[in-house]
Amino acid sequence: MESTNIIGIYDDPDVVVAAAKKLKENDVQIKNVFTPFPIHELWEVLGLKTRLPLLTFLYGAGGLITIYAFLYWTSVVNYPLKFGGKPLNSLSFFIIMFVGTIFVAVLLTLLTFFIRQKIGPGKEVVMIDPRTTDDKFAIVIERKPGITEEEVSKITAILKETGAVEISEQSKPENYIEEEND
């Protein structure tokens, strides 16, 4: 049996944060929260962590070392030209290293994000509620097959109590991918 989602729609970001806190206090597992802009306090409330900043730093450090090695090799080892009395290994290519490091870090971070989120060309977008890209906020709670009606009514009551303007159930999960019948 396929699980469904209980969705609470909110109008205010502060109310969403308070609702997430209240749900966590009542041991309700929140599957996801959709917002039109980042709400950093939700990361703390939901206990989310990411290693993307660390990866970005490592990509940048690796890019810096690689770019410096390439510039050193081309300027000093392979084709040394001494002009104007400057030493061969000067920091004349500092700007190139700086810009190249930023480019490598951003490009590899973007690729890592796309691979991690399984985003790519041609992927069909499945949204819980299209209004979450404009001005609404949604809290999604997965209703698993073994959950009782009493627990569902408790979750619904908490959502109403915390200020949800709309509560609904959706049978298609947010990460639903339609399989092709061959």
C-alpha atoms as a PDB file:
ATOM      1  CA  MET A   1       0.000   0.000   0.000  1.00  0.00           C
ATOM      2  CA  GLU A   2       1.337   3.406  -0.965  1.00  0.00           C
ATOM      3  CA  SER A   3       1.839   5.976   1.768  1.00  0.00           C
ATOM      4  CA  THR A   4       0.222   9.387   1.635  1.00  0.00           C
ATOM      5  CA  ASN A   5       1.316  12.810   2.793  1.00  0.00           C
ATOM      6  CA  ILE A   6      -0.452  15.092   5.251  1.00  0.00           C
ATOM      7  CA  ILE A   7       0.206  18.642   4.105  1.00  0.00           C
ATOM      8  CA  GLY A   8      -0.244  21.790   6.156  1.00  0.00           C
ATOM      9  CA  ILE A   9      -0.181  25.092   4.236  1.00  0.00           C
ATOM     10  CA  TYR A  10       0.893  28.263   6.046  1.00  0.00           C
ATOM     11  CA  ASP A  11       1.026  31.975   5.180  1.00  0.00           C
ATOM     12  CA  ASP A  12       3.784  33.204   7.499  1.00  0.00           C
ATOM     13  CA  PRO A  13       7.390  31.971   7.860  1.00  0.00           C
ATOM     14  CA  ASP A  14       7.450  32.582  11.621  1.00  0.00           C
ATOM     15  CA  VAL A  15       4.308  30.491  12.020  1.00  0.00           C
ATOM     16  CA  VAL A  16       5.917  27.657  10.017  1.00  0.00           C
ATOM     17  CA  VAL A  17       8.944  27.647  12.318  1.00  0.00           C
ATOM     18  CA  ALA A  18       6.690  27.596  15.392  1.00  0.00           C
ATOM     19  CA  ALA A  19       4.598  24.799  13.860  1.00  0.00           C
ATOM     20  CA  ALA A  20       7.713  22.727  13.102  1.00  0.00           C
ATOM     21  CA  LYS A  21       8.863  23.188  16.706  1.00  0.00           C
ATOM     22  CA  LYS A  22       5.441  22.149  18.031  1.00  0.00           C
ATOM     23  CA  LEU A  23       5.369  19.059  15.778  1.00  0.00           C
ATOM     24  CA  LYS A  24       8.871  18.064  16.913  1.00  0.00           C
ATOM     25  CA  GLU A  25       7.865  18.514  20.570  1.00  0.00           C
ATOM     26  CA  ASN A  26       4.980  16.084  19.982  1.00  0.00           C
ATOM     27  CA  ASP A  27       7.315  13.533  18.320  1.00  0.00           C
ATOM     28  CA  VAL A  28       5.794  13.937  14.867  1.00  0.00           C
ATOM     29  CA  GLN A  29       8.295  13.159  12.125  1.00  0.00           C
ATOM     30  CA  ILE A  30       8.344  15.927   9.517  1.00  0.00           C
ATOM     31  CA  LYS A  31       9.173  14.595   6.065  1.00  0.00           C
ATOM     32  CA  ASN A  32       9.911  17.947   4.432  1.00  0.00           C
ATOM     33  CA  VAL A  33       9.160  21.662   4.543  1.00  0.00           C
ATOM     34  CA  PHE A  34       8.695  23.673   1.345  1.00  0.00           C
ATOM     35  CA  THR A  35       9.264  27.424   1.393  1.00  0.00           C
ATOM     36  CA  PRO A  36       9.633  30.062  -1.338  1.00  0.00           C
ATOM     37  CA  PHE A  37      12.873  31.293   0.276  1.00  0.00           C
ATOM     38  CA  PRO A  38      15.386  29.839   2.741  1.00  0.00           C
ATOM     39  CA  ILE A  39      14.434  29.904   6.416  1.00  0.00           C
ATOM     40  CA  HIS A  40      17.640  29.175   8.289  1.00  0.00           C
ATOM     41  CA  GLU A  41      15.945  28.555  11.617  1.00  0.00           C
ATOM     42  CA  LEU A  42      14.161  25.547  10.080  1.00  0.00           C
ATOM     43  CA  TRP A  43      17.524  23.844   9.567  1.00  0.00           C
ATOM     44  CA  GLU A  44      18.084  23.939  13.319  1.00  0.00           C
ATOM     45  CA  VAL A  45      14.533  22.873  14.160  1.00  0.00           C
ATOM     46  CA  LEU A  46      14.576  19.934  11.729  1.00  0.00           C
ATOM     47  CA  GLY A  47      18.137  18.970  12.681  1.00  0.00           C
ATOM     48  CA  LEU A  48      19.399  19.157   9.101  1.00  0.00           C
ATOM     49  CA  LYS A  49      23.095  19.169   8.324  1.00  0.00           C
ATOM     50  CA  THR A  50      25.007  19.513   5.087  1.00  0.00           C
ATOM     51  CA  ARG A  51      28.587  18.851   4.074  1.00  0.00           C
ATOM     52  CA  LEU A  52      28.328  21.031   0.976  1.00  0.00           C
ATOM     53  CA  PRO A  53      30.329  23.970   2.454  1.00  0.00           C
ATOM     54  CA  LEU A  54      33.144  21.576   3.385  1.00  0.00           C
ATOM     55  CA  LEU A  55      33.093  20.079  -0.111  1.00  0.00           C
ATOM     56  CA  THR A  56      33.173  23.581  -1.608  1.00  0.00           C
ATOM     57  CA  PHE A  57      36.255  24.401   0.470  1.00  0.00           C
ATOM     58  CA  LEU A  58      37.958  21.165  -0.574  1.00  0.00           C
ATOM     59  CA  TYR A  59      37.097  21.769  -4.232  1.00  0.00           C
ATOM     60  CA  GLY A  60      38.482  25.306  -3.970  1.00  0.00           C
ATOM     61  CA  ALA A  61      41.686  24.146  -2.259  1.00  0.00           C
ATOM     62  CA  GLY A  62      42.177  21.425  -4.849  1.00  0.00           C
ATOM     63  CA  GLY A  63      41.491  23.903  -7.640  1.00  0.00           C
ATOM     64  CA  LEU A  64      43.957  26.403  -6.172  1.00  0.00           C
ATOM     65  CA  ILE A  65      46.714  23.798  -5.929  1.00  0.00           C
ATOM     66  CA  THR A  66      46.028  22.494  -9.429  1.00  0.00           C
ATOM     67  CA  ILE A  67      45.929  25.960 -10.982  1.00  0.00           C
ATOM     68  CA  TYR A  68      49.120  27.027  -9.194  1.00  0.00           C
ATOM     69  CA  ALA A  69      50.889  23.830 -10.277  1.00  0.00           C
ATOM     70  CA  PHE A  70      49.779  24.380 -13.873  1.00  0.00           C
ATOM     71  CA  LEU A  71      50.873  28.026 -13.894  1.00  0.00           C
ATOM     72  CA  TYR A  72      54.206  27.156 -12.238  1.00  0.00           C
ATOM     73  CA  TRP A  73      54.837  24.407 -14.753  1.00  0.00           C
ATOM     74  CA  THR A  74      54.010  26.603 -17.757  1.00  0.00           C
ATOM     75  CA  SER A  75      55.875  29.701 -16.485  1.00  0.00           C
ATOM     76  CA  VAL A  76      58.918  28.187 -14.783  1.00  0.00           C
ATOM     77  CA  VAL A  77      59.522  24.619 -15.925  1.00  0.00           C
ATOM     78  CA  ASN A  78      58.257  24.215 -19.468  1.00  0.00           C
ATOM     79  CA  TYR A  79      58.719  27.647 -21.021  1.00  0.00           C
ATOM     80  CA  PRO A  80      60.681  29.996 -18.741  1.00  0.00           C
ATOM     81  CA  LEU A  81      60.861  33.552 -20.032  1.00  0.00           C
ATOM     82  CA  LYS A  82      62.753  36.142 -18.066  1.00  0.00           C
ATOM     83  CA  PHE A  83      61.632  39.636 -18.907  1.00  0.00           C
ATOM     84  CA  GLY A  84      61.995  42.896 -17.048  1.00  0.00           C
ATOM     85  CA  GLY A  85      64.242  41.301 -14.414  1.00  0.00           C
ATOM     86  CA  LYS A  86      61.280  39.556 -12.743  1.00  0.00           C
ATOM     87  CA  PRO A  87      61.883  36.197 -11.122  1.00  0.00           C
ATOM     88  CA  LEU A  88      60.277  33.234 -12.860  1.00  0.00           C
ATOM     89  CA  ASN A  89      58.175  32.216  -9.858  1.00  0.00           C
ATOM     90  CA  SER A  90      56.456  35.492  -9.031  1.00  0.00           C
ATOM     91  CA  LEU A  91      52.911  36.082  -7.962  1.00  0.00           C
ATOM     92  CA  SER A  92      52.105  37.766 -11.245  1.00  0.00           C
ATOM     93  CA  PHE A  93      49.414  35.169 -11.841  1.00  0.00           C
ATOM     94  CA  PHE A  94      47.676  35.722  -8.492  1.00  0.00           C
ATOM     95  CA  ILE A  95      44.478  37.022 -10.157  1.00  0.00           C
ATOM     96  CA  ILE A  96      44.309  33.983 -12.420  1.00  0.00           C
ATOM     97  CA  MET A  97      44.645  31.688  -9.391  1.00  0.00           C
ATOM     98  CA  PHE A  98      41.955  33.595  -7.472  1.00  0.00           C
ATOM     99  CA  VAL A  99      39.394  33.588 -10.286  1.00  0.00           C
ATOM    100  CA  GLY A 100      40.206  30.002 -11.278  1.00  0.00           C
ATOM    101  CA  THR A 101      39.762  28.807  -7.687  1.00  0.00           C
ATOM    102  CA  ILE A 102      36.323  30.400  -7.477  1.00  0.00           C
ATOM    103  CA  PHE A 103      35.361  28.928 -10.854  1.00  0.00           C
ATOM    104  CA  VAL A 104      36.457  25.390  -9.941  1.00  0.00           C
ATOM    105  CA  ALA A 105      34.786  25.518  -6.504  1.00  0.00           C
ATOM    106  CA  VAL A 106      31.474  26.823  -7.867  1.00  0.00           C
ATOM    107  CA  LEU A 107      31.388  24.451 -10.831  1.00  0.00           C
ATOM    108  CA  LEU A 108      32.169  21.321  -8.812  1.00  0.00           C
ATOM    109  CA  THR A 109      29.775  22.345  -6.017  1.00  0.00           C
ATOM    110  CA  LEU A 110      27.001  22.853  -8.553  1.00  0.00           C
ATOM    111  CA  LEU A 111      27.677  19.456 -10.127  1.00  0.00           C
ATOM    112  CA  THR A 112      27.744  17.823  -6.685  1.00  0.00           C
ATOM    113  CA  PHE A 113      24.412  19.434  -5.817  1.00  0.00           C
ATOM    114  CA  PHE A 114      22.786  18.286  -9.082  1.00  0.00           C
ATOM    115  CA  ILE A 115      24.079  14.730  -8.663  1.00  0.00           C
ATOM    116  CA  ARG A 116      23.083  14.555  -4.974  1.00  0.00           C
ATOM    117  CA  GLN A 117      19.567  15.880  -5.629  1.00  0.00           C
ATOM    118  CA  LYS A 118      19.176  13.792  -8.800  1.00  0.00           C
ATOM    119  CA  ILE A 119      18.378  16.891 -10.818  1.00  0.00           C
ATOM    120  CA  GLY A 120      19.072  16.876 -14.503  1.00  0.00           C
ATOM    121  CA  PRO A 121      17.755  17.794 -17.893  1.00  0.00           C
ATOM    122  CA  GLY A 122      14.380  16.286 -18.683  1.00  0.00           C
ATOM    123  CA  LYS A 123      13.428  15.436 -15.106  1.00  0.00           C
ATOM    124  CA  GLU A 124       9.740  15.996 -14.511  1.00  0.00           C
ATOM    125  CA  VAL A 125       9.050  18.425 -11.710  1.00  0.00           C
ATOM    126  CA  VAL A 126       6.673  17.063  -9.083  1.00  0.00           C
ATOM    127  CA  MET A 127       5.520  19.660  -6.577  1.00  0.00           C
ATOM    128  CA  ILE A 128       3.508  19.211  -3.410  1.00  0.00           C
ATOM    129  CA  ASP A 129       1.806  22.576  -3.887  1.00  0.00           C
ATOM    130  CA  PRO A 130       2.738  25.057  -6.643  1.00  0.00           C
ATOM    131  CA  ARG A 131       1.991  27.978  -4.313  1.00  0.00           C
ATOM    132  CA  THR A 132       5.127  27.157  -2.295  1.00  0.00           C
ATOM    133  CA  THR A 133       7.194  28.811  -5.030  1.00  0.00           C
ATOM    134  CA  ASP A 134       5.304  32.078  -4.551  1.00  0.00           C
ATOM    135  CA  ASP A 135       3.985  32.949  -1.095  1.00  0.00           C
ATOM    136  CA  LYS A 136       2.899  29.808   0.800  1.00  0.00           C
ATOM    137  CA  PHE A 137       4.780  27.460   3.115  1.00  0.00           C
ATOM    138  CA  ALA A 138       4.078  23.733   3.375  1.00  0.00           C
ATOM    139  CA  ILE A 139       4.897  21.189   6.050  1.00  0.00           C
ATOM    140  CA  VAL A 140       4.748  17.619   4.777  1.00  0.00           C
ATOM    141  CA  ILE A 141       4.229  14.703   7.131  1.00  0.00           C
ATOM    142  CA  GLU A 142       4.272  11.183   5.752  1.00  0.00           C
ATOM    143  CA  ARG A 143       1.246   9.090   6.654  1.00  0.00           C
ATOM    144  CA  LYS A 144       2.629   5.594   6.676  1.00  0.00           C
ATOM    145  CA  PRO A 145       0.329   2.584   6.196  1.00  0.00           C
ATOM    146  CA  GLY A 146       0.492   1.561   9.876  1.00  0.00           C
ATOM    147  CA  ILE A 147      -0.550   4.917  11.337  1.00  0.00           C
ATOM    148  CA  THR A 148      -3.875   5.013  13.216  1.00  0.00           C
ATOM    149  CA  GLU A 149      -6.711   7.469  12.652  1.00  0.00           C
ATOM    150  CA  GLU A 150      -6.185   8.760  16.188  1.00  0.00           C
ATOM    151  CA  GLU A 151      -2.596   9.742  15.336  1.00  0.00           C
ATOM    152  CA  VAL A 152      -3.751  11.365  12.087  1.00  0.00           C
ATOM    153  CA  SER A 153      -6.342  13.425  13.957  1.00  0.00           C
ATOM    154  CA  LYS A 154      -3.661  14.420  16.503  1.00  0.00           C
ATOM    155  CA  ILE A 155      -1.379  15.619  13.673  1.00  0.00           C
ATOM    156  CA  THR A 156      -4.256  17.466  12.008  1.00  0.00           C
ATOM    157  CA  ALA A 157      -5.166  19.115  15.315  1.00  0.00           C
ATOM    158  CA  ILE A 158      -1.578  20.276  15.831  1.00  0.00           C
ATOM    159  CA  LEU A 159      -1.479  21.694  12.304  1.00  0.00           C
ATOM    160  CA  LYS A 160      -4.757  23.585  12.881  1.00  0.00           C
ATOM    161  CA  GLU A 161      -3.613  24.756  16.312  1.00  0.00           C
ATOM    162  CA  THR A 162      -0.359  26.137  14.936  1.00  0.00           C
ATOM    163  CA  GLY A 163      -2.080  28.225  12.265  1.00  0.00           C
ATOM    164  CA  ALA A 164      -2.327  26.115   9.117  1.00  0.00           C
ATOM    165  CA  VAL A 165      -4.694  27.811   6.676  1.00  0.00           C
ATOM    166  CA  GLU A 166      -5.230  24.591   4.748  1.00  0.00           C
ATOM    167  CA  ILE A 167      -4.709  20.908   5.558  1.00  0.00           C
ATOM    168  CA  SER A 168      -4.913  18.201   2.932  1.00  0.00           C
ATOM    169  CA  GLU A 169      -3.777  14.693   2.120  1.00  0.00           C
ATOM    170  CA  GLN A 170      -2.029  13.754  -1.080  1.00  0.00           C
ATOM    171  CA  SER A 171      -1.612  10.174  -2.216  1.00  0.00           C
ATOM    172  CA  LYS A 172       1.412  10.821  -4.407  1.00  0.00           C
ATOM    173  CA  PRO A 173       4.657  11.279  -2.422  1.00  0.00           C
ATOM    174  CA  GLU A 174       6.873  14.252  -3.201  1.00  0.00           C
ATOM    175  CA  ASN A 175       9.669  12.117  -4.636  1.00  0.00           C
ATOM    176  CA  TYR A 176       7.263  10.090  -6.755  1.00  0.00           C
ATOM    177  CA  ILE A 177       8.689   8.961 -10.094  1.00  0.00           C
ATOM    178  CA  GLU A 178       6.335   7.397 -12.575  1.00  0.00           C
ATOM    179  CA  GLU A 179       7.740   4.157 -13.907  1.00  0.00           C
ATOM    180  CA  GLU A 180       7.398   3.528 -17.594  1.00  0.00           C
ATOM    181  CA  ASN A 181       5.479   0.426 -18.518  1.00  0.00           C
ATOM    182  CA  ASP A 182       7.483  -1.478 -21.120  1.00  0.00           C
END
